[in-house]
Amino acid sequence: MIRTRLFSLPVLAITLLAASLAACGDDSSDKPAGGSSASPDKVKVGVIPILDVAPIYVGKAQGFFAKRNIDLTMEQAQGGAAIVPGVVSGQYQFGFSNVVSLLVAEQQKVPIKAVANGVNSTGDPAKDFGQLIVKDPNITSAKDLEGKTVATNTVKNIVDTSVKEIVRKAGGDPSKVSFVELAFPDMAAALDAGRVQAMFVVEPFLAPALAKGWKSRGAFADVDPKLCVAAYFTSAQVIAQNPDLVKRFTEAMQESLAYADSHPDDVRQVVTTYTTIKADSAKAMTLPKWSTSIDKASVDRMNQLLATAGVLTAPVDTSKLLP
């Protein structure tokens, strides 16, 4: 869910220009059909092959999209760096990305808008799907990470911003913590070898780390108990051209989120079909909270933290981004 890299303004500018030129053409075959069409609307969604997007796969299997005349296809990408411009260009009708990348996109005036919730903290720091893990028993608090190095999947994004807030709440100085960028699968080896002193990981990498006896020193829930980590979004063009499709997609996602949140066994099974996660590992995972609505207060909280950290030049107007 959160293997999302921030995109650069020049790359986006090129992508948006291409999208604008494409929009001037007359290739109506690429436009989604209306809800009243005899044939279902073909909808492609850009996703990341991680636990967080399990609800959309469960929802498709349960027929929540089909009954709303949506022929749903998921296309996997490395992260939001590819998904955001993909949605803007029309490669995808909808996409999944963490809220930090969406807030940065809003600051850059990228024409997108969130339409449905993605994934949330469980609200329990001891049982959350994303946690700050240490091996050294002498690190008893996040404050002890001052002068040490923490592994994050990307810099200037939701993970390192969350770690900084966890350190601050523990009474430490976030500016004294260093970060190194590592892919989630590579973090445990780096921590075991002492190349980093802590790592922030999400499932399915969390459960194996805790099984080693390593300890948690914070979680997403410490940032905000209802932290909205990611959301589904679409382009301004899709909203303008086919608002009925957006409405039906949003309703299907809300039903999918509710079903996934109340059917953990279905989630643990479906995640093995679109990721490399095995059944035994799926059983051990801590599942996130899948709320049917975006927690706007937690997005505002992250918005302020990003501005404080300098990721945003100033807090953005979230009313333009959120539904």
Protein backbone atom coordinates (compact mmCIF):
# COMPACT_ATOMS: atom_id res chain seq x y z
CA MET A 1 0.00 0.00 0.00
CA ILE A 2 2.54 2.18 0.53
CA ARG A 3 5.30 1.38 -1.84
CA THR A 4 4.58 4.69 -3.50
CA ARG A 5 7.26 7.04 -4.73
CA LEU A 6 6.75 10.75 -5.04
CA PHE A 7 6.67 11.81 -8.66
CA SER A 8 8.52 14.77 -10.08
CA LEU A 9 6.77 17.79 -11.52
CA PRO A 10 8.59 17.58 -14.90
CA VAL A 11 7.49 13.97 -15.41
CA LEU A 12 3.93 14.88 -14.53
CA ALA A 13 3.99 17.86 -16.84
CA ILE A 14 4.93 15.63 -19.77
CA THR A 15 2.28 13.11 -18.81
CA LEU A 16 -0.41 15.74 -18.44
CA LEU A 17 0.50 17.27 -21.78
CA ALA A 18 0.16 13.87 -23.43
CA ALA A 19 -3.18 13.38 -21.71
CA SER A 20 -4.40 16.77 -22.92
CA LEU A 21 -3.42 15.98 -26.49
CA ALA A 22 -5.12 12.61 -26.29
CA ALA A 23 -8.28 14.20 -24.94
CA CYS A 24 -8.46 16.40 -28.05
CA GLY A 25 -8.71 13.34 -30.27
CA ASP A 26 -11.87 11.55 -31.32
CA ASP A 27 -11.12 8.03 -30.12
CA SER A 28 -14.42 7.46 -28.38
CA SER A 29 -13.73 3.71 -28.18
CA ASP A 30 -11.51 4.31 -25.15
CA LYS A 31 -14.25 6.07 -23.21
CA PRO A 32 -16.16 4.02 -20.64
CA ALA A 33 -19.71 3.23 -21.60
CA GLY A 34 -22.59 4.77 -19.70
CA GLY A 35 -24.37 2.93 -16.92
CA SER A 36 -27.43 2.44 -19.10
CA SER A 37 -25.46 0.63 -21.82
CA ALA A 38 -26.39 -2.98 -22.53
CA SER A 39 -22.74 -3.98 -22.17
CA PRO A 40 -20.88 -3.47 -18.88
CA ASP A 41 -18.48 -0.56 -18.47
CA LYS A 42 -14.91 -1.80 -18.84
CA VAL A 43 -12.98 -0.31 -15.93
CA LYS A 44 -9.26 -0.69 -15.30
CA VAL A 45 -7.88 0.12 -11.85
CA GLY A 46 -4.20 0.68 -11.10
CA VAL A 47 -3.26 -1.16 -7.89
CA ILE A 48 -0.19 -2.31 -5.98
CA PRO A 49 0.31 -6.04 -5.21
CA ILE A 50 0.01 -5.69 -1.44
CA LEU A 51 -2.42 -6.59 1.34
CA ASP A 52 -4.04 -3.14 1.38
CA VAL A 53 -5.94 -3.64 -1.89
CA ALA A 54 -7.50 -6.99 -0.91
CA PRO A 55 -11.01 -5.46 -0.70
CA ILE A 56 -11.18 -4.68 -4.42
CA TYR A 57 -10.24 -8.27 -5.26
CA VAL A 58 -12.75 -9.64 -2.74
CA GLY A 59 -15.40 -7.26 -4.08
CA LYS A 60 -14.87 -8.43 -7.64
CA ALA A 61 -15.12 -12.08 -6.55
CA GLN A 62 -18.35 -11.32 -4.66
CA GLY A 63 -19.87 -9.65 -7.71
CA PHE A 64 -20.19 -6.19 -6.15
CA PHE A 65 -18.88 -4.50 -9.29
CA ALA A 66 -20.62 -6.74 -11.80
CA LYS A 67 -24.03 -6.04 -10.29
CA ARG A 68 -23.36 -2.35 -10.91
CA ASN A 69 -22.58 -3.03 -14.57
CA ILE A 70 -18.81 -2.73 -14.14
CA ASP A 71 -16.43 -5.15 -15.85
CA LEU A 72 -13.47 -4.70 -13.50
CA THR A 73 -9.81 -5.33 -14.28
CA MET A 74 -6.93 -4.68 -11.90
CA GLU A 75 -3.52 -3.80 -13.33
CA GLN A 76 -0.55 -3.97 -10.98
CA ALA A 77 2.04 -1.19 -10.80
CA GLN A 78 5.09 -0.62 -8.60
CA GLY A 79 3.47 2.30 -6.84
CA GLY A 80 1.63 5.57 -7.03
CA ALA A 81 4.44 7.15 -9.04
CA ALA A 82 3.12 5.14 -11.97
CA ILE A 83 -0.55 5.01 -10.97
CA VAL A 84 -1.20 8.76 -10.55
CA PRO A 85 -0.05 9.79 -14.05
CA GLY A 86 -1.64 6.60 -15.37
CA VAL A 87 -5.03 7.73 -14.09
CA VAL A 88 -4.54 11.26 -15.43
CA SER A 89 -3.57 9.97 -18.89
CA GLY A 90 -6.52 7.58 -19.07
CA GLN A 91 -4.48 4.38 -18.81
CA TYR A 92 -6.60 3.60 -15.73
CA GLN A 93 -10.05 4.91 -14.90
CA PHE A 94 -9.29 4.62 -11.17
CA GLY A 95 -6.20 4.08 -9.04
CA PHE A 96 -4.95 3.32 -5.54
CA SER A 97 -2.29 5.44 -3.84
CA ASN A 98 -1.21 6.51 -0.37
CA VAL A 99 -2.51 9.82 0.89
CA VAL A 100 0.90 11.50 0.89
CA SER A 101 1.30 11.09 -2.87
CA LEU A 102 -2.27 12.31 -3.33
CA LEU A 103 -1.64 15.38 -1.18
CA VAL A 104 1.56 16.13 -3.11
CA ALA A 105 -0.40 15.75 -6.34
CA GLU A 106 -2.97 18.25 -5.05
CA GLN A 107 -0.18 20.73 -4.28
CA GLN A 108 1.06 20.29 -7.85
CA LYS A 109 -2.52 20.86 -9.12
CA VAL A 110 -2.76 17.42 -10.70
CA PRO A 111 -6.42 16.98 -11.74
CA ILE A 112 -7.40 14.03 -9.53
CA LYS A 113 -9.90 13.45 -6.73
CA ALA A 114 -10.30 10.69 -4.14
CA VAL A 115 -13.53 8.72 -4.51
CA ALA A 116 -13.30 5.93 -1.92
CA ASN A 117 -11.34 4.94 1.14
CA GLY A 118 -8.38 2.63 0.76
CA VAL A 119 -7.01 1.37 4.08
CA ASN A 120 -6.68 2.55 7.69
CA SER A 121 -4.74 1.92 10.86
CA THR A 122 -6.36 -0.58 13.20
CA GLY A 123 -6.27 2.00 15.97
CA ASP A 124 -4.23 -0.30 18.24
CA PRO A 125 -0.45 0.39 18.23
CA ALA A 126 0.21 -3.14 19.49
CA LYS A 127 -1.87 -4.74 16.74
CA ASP A 128 -1.41 -2.59 13.67
CA PHE A 129 -0.45 -3.67 10.16
CA GLY A 130 2.43 -1.16 9.95
CA GLN A 131 4.93 -0.89 12.80
CA LEU A 132 8.34 0.51 13.73
CA ILE A 133 10.54 -2.49 14.55
CA VAL A 134 13.88 -2.74 16.39
CA LYS A 135 16.22 -5.65 17.11
CA ASP A 136 18.35 -4.09 19.85
CA PRO A 137 16.59 -4.54 23.24
CA ASN A 138 18.37 -1.43 24.49
CA ILE A 139 16.16 0.67 22.19
CA THR A 140 13.20 0.78 24.53
CA SER A 141 11.49 3.81 23.02
CA ALA A 142 11.29 5.60 19.69
CA LYS A 143 13.14 8.45 21.44
CA ASP A 144 16.20 6.18 21.52
CA LEU A 145 16.37 6.35 17.72
CA GLU A 146 18.02 9.78 17.91
CA GLY A 147 21.38 9.45 16.16
CA LYS A 148 20.36 6.17 14.56
CA THR A 149 19.23 5.07 11.11
CA VAL A 150 15.78 3.82 10.19
CA ALA A 151 14.86 1.93 7.02
CA THR A 152 11.93 3.39 5.07
CA ASN A 153 10.54 2.18 1.76
CA THR A 154 10.69 5.71 0.34
CA VAL A 155 11.84 9.04 1.70
CA LYS A 156 9.56 12.05 2.07
CA ASN A 157 6.49 9.88 2.11
CA ILE A 158 4.04 8.33 4.55
CA VAL A 159 6.45 5.93 6.28
CA ASP A 160 9.26 8.30 7.24
CA THR A 161 6.74 11.05 8.05
CA SER A 162 4.98 8.63 10.41
CA VAL A 163 8.27 7.59 12.03
CA LYS A 164 9.14 11.23 12.69
CA GLU A 165 5.81 11.76 14.42
CA ILE A 166 6.24 8.58 16.47
CA VAL A 167 9.67 9.80 17.61
CA ARG A 168 8.29 13.26 18.43
CA LYS A 169 5.44 11.79 20.50
CA ALA A 170 7.98 9.67 22.39
CA GLY A 171 9.80 12.85 23.39
CA GLY A 172 12.57 12.63 20.81
CA ASP A 173 13.86 14.98 18.14
CA PRO A 174 12.91 13.70 14.66
CA SER A 175 15.62 15.83 13.04
CA LYS A 176 18.23 13.63 14.76
CA VAL A 177 16.95 10.46 13.08
CA SER A 178 18.47 9.40 9.75
CA PHE A 179 16.61 7.46 7.07
CA VAL A 180 17.79 5.07 4.39
CA GLU A 181 15.60 3.95 1.53
CA LEU A 182 15.17 0.17 1.24
CA ALA A 183 12.50 -2.02 -0.30
CA PHE A 184 10.33 -3.73 2.31
CA PRO A 185 11.69 -7.22 1.46
CA ASP A 186 15.28 -6.01 2.09
CA MET A 187 14.73 -4.33 5.44
CA ALA A 188 14.93 -7.34 7.78
CA ALA A 189 18.36 -8.37 6.46
CA ALA A 190 19.65 -4.82 6.92
CA LEU A 191 18.32 -4.68 10.49
CA ASP A 192 19.73 -8.13 11.32
CA ALA A 193 23.16 -7.10 9.98
CA GLY A 194 23.15 -3.83 11.91
CA ARG A 195 23.18 -1.62 8.83
CA VAL A 196 20.07 0.07 10.23
CA GLN A 197 18.85 0.21 13.82
CA ALA A 198 15.13 0.18 13.05
CA MET A 199 12.72 -0.40 10.21
CA PHE A 200 9.12 0.51 9.55
CA VAL A 201 7.42 -2.40 7.80
CA VAL A 202 3.91 -3.37 6.82
CA GLU A 203 2.41 -6.81 6.31
CA PRO A 204 3.39 -9.37 5.15
CA PHE A 205 6.84 -8.33 6.39
CA LEU A 206 5.72 -7.42 9.91
CA ALA A 207 4.66 -10.85 11.19
CA PRO A 208 8.01 -12.56 10.39
CA ALA A 209 9.90 -9.74 12.12
CA LEU A 210 7.84 -10.08 15.29
CA ALA A 211 8.28 -13.87 15.13
CA LYS A 212 12.05 -13.29 15.46
CA GLY A 213 11.44 -11.67 18.83
CA TRP A 214 12.10 -8.18 17.51
CA LYS A 215 10.05 -5.46 19.18
CA SER A 216 7.69 -2.72 18.07
CA ARG A 217 8.39 0.86 19.11
CA GLY A 218 5.46 2.50 17.36
CA ALA A 219 2.81 2.11 14.68
CA PHE A 220 0.53 3.97 12.28
CA ALA A 221 -1.97 4.13 15.13
CA ASP A 222 0.43 6.35 17.09
CA VAL A 223 0.18 8.96 14.34
CA ASP A 224 -3.62 8.83 14.35
CA PRO A 225 -5.86 6.00 15.61
CA LYS A 226 -7.97 6.26 12.44
CA LEU A 227 -5.11 7.10 10.09
CA CYS A 228 -6.20 6.96 6.46
CA VAL A 229 -3.13 5.46 4.81
CA ALA A 230 -4.40 5.30 1.22
CA ALA A 231 -7.40 5.93 -1.02
CA TYR A 232 -8.87 5.15 -4.43
CA PHE A 233 -9.03 8.10 -6.82
CA THR A 234 -9.91 9.10 -10.35
CA SER A 235 -9.25 11.96 -12.75
CA ALA A 236 -11.24 15.16 -13.11
CA GLN A 237 -11.89 14.10 -16.71
CA VAL A 238 -13.61 10.84 -15.70
CA ILE A 239 -15.70 12.69 -13.11
CA ALA A 240 -16.82 15.23 -15.71
CA GLN A 241 -17.48 12.72 -18.49
CA ASN A 242 -19.05 9.87 -16.53
CA PRO A 243 -20.20 10.85 -13.02
CA ASP A 244 -22.57 7.86 -12.93
CA LEU A 245 -19.64 5.47 -13.36
CA VAL A 246 -17.80 7.19 -10.51
CA LYS A 247 -20.90 6.84 -8.32
CA ARG A 248 -21.27 3.14 -9.09
CA PHE A 249 -17.55 2.44 -8.59
CA THR A 250 -17.60 4.26 -5.25
CA GLU A 251 -20.64 2.29 -4.08
CA ALA A 252 -19.02 -1.00 -5.13
CA MET A 253 -15.80 -0.09 -3.29
CA GLN A 254 -17.70 0.81 -0.14
CA GLU A 255 -19.48 -2.55 -0.21
CA SER A 256 -16.15 -4.28 -0.86
CA LEU A 257 -14.45 -2.49 2.04
CA ALA A 258 -17.26 -3.41 4.44
CA TYR A 259 -17.22 -7.04 3.32
CA ALA A 260 -13.43 -7.34 3.60
CA ASP A 261 -13.41 -5.79 7.06
CA SER A 262 -15.94 -8.35 8.32
CA HIS A 263 -14.62 -11.41 6.44
CA PRO A 264 -10.93 -11.82 7.36
CA ASP A 265 -10.77 -15.41 6.07
CA ASP A 266 -11.79 -14.25 2.59
CA VAL A 267 -9.09 -11.58 2.74
CA ARG A 268 -6.38 -14.04 3.78
CA GLN A 269 -7.37 -16.33 0.91
CA VAL A 270 -7.64 -13.73 -1.84
CA VAL A 271 -4.31 -12.08 -1.00
CA THR A 272 -2.56 -15.31 -2.03
CA THR A 273 -4.06 -14.99 -5.53
CA TYR A 274 -2.52 -11.64 -6.53
CA THR A 275 0.67 -11.49 -4.43
CA THR A 276 3.50 -13.90 -3.61
CA ILE A 277 2.18 -14.25 -0.06
CA LYS A 278 1.72 -17.91 0.89
CA ALA A 279 -1.23 -19.27 2.86
CA ASP A 280 0.79 -19.84 6.06
CA SER A 281 2.11 -16.28 5.99
CA ALA A 282 -1.36 -14.92 5.28
CA LYS A 283 -2.70 -16.60 8.41
CA ALA A 284 -0.12 -14.81 10.58
CA MET A 285 -0.70 -11.32 9.18
CA THR A 286 -2.23 -8.48 11.17
CA LEU A 287 -5.00 -7.13 8.96
CA PRO A 288 -5.66 -3.39 8.68
CA LYS A 289 -8.97 -1.64 9.19
CA TRP A 290 -11.01 -1.15 6.04
CA SER A 291 -13.44 1.66 6.71
CA THR A 292 -16.19 2.52 4.24
CA SER A 293 -15.40 6.23 4.44
CA ILE A 294 -12.28 8.38 4.30
CA ASP A 295 -11.32 9.72 7.71
CA LYS A 296 -10.89 13.36 6.73
CA ALA A 297 -9.54 14.42 10.13
CA SER A 298 -6.62 12.00 9.84
CA VAL A 299 -5.88 13.21 6.30
CA ASP A 300 -5.82 16.77 7.63
CA ARG A 301 -3.46 15.58 10.36
CA MET A 302 -1.07 14.08 7.80
CA ASN A 303 -1.43 17.24 5.71
CA GLN A 304 -0.12 19.31 8.62
CA LEU A 305 2.70 16.86 9.38
CA LEU A 306 3.86 16.96 5.76
CA ALA A 307 3.97 20.74 5.82
CA THR A 308 5.95 20.69 9.07
CA ALA A 309 8.39 18.17 7.58
CA GLY A 310 8.82 20.25 4.44
CA VAL A 311 7.34 17.62 2.11
CA LEU A 312 4.62 20.16 1.31
CA THR A 313 5.42 23.85 1.06
CA ALA A 314 2.19 24.48 2.99
CA PRO A 315 -0.91 22.48 3.91
CA VAL A 316 -3.10 21.94 0.86
CA ASP A 317 -6.84 22.49 0.63
CA THR A 318 -8.02 18.93 1.23
CA SER A 319 -11.60 19.81 0.30
CA LYS A 320 -10.44 19.83 -3.33
CA LEU A 321 -8.97 16.34 -3.02
CA LEU A 322 -11.45 14.52 -0.79
CA PRO A 323 -15.07 13.69 -1.69
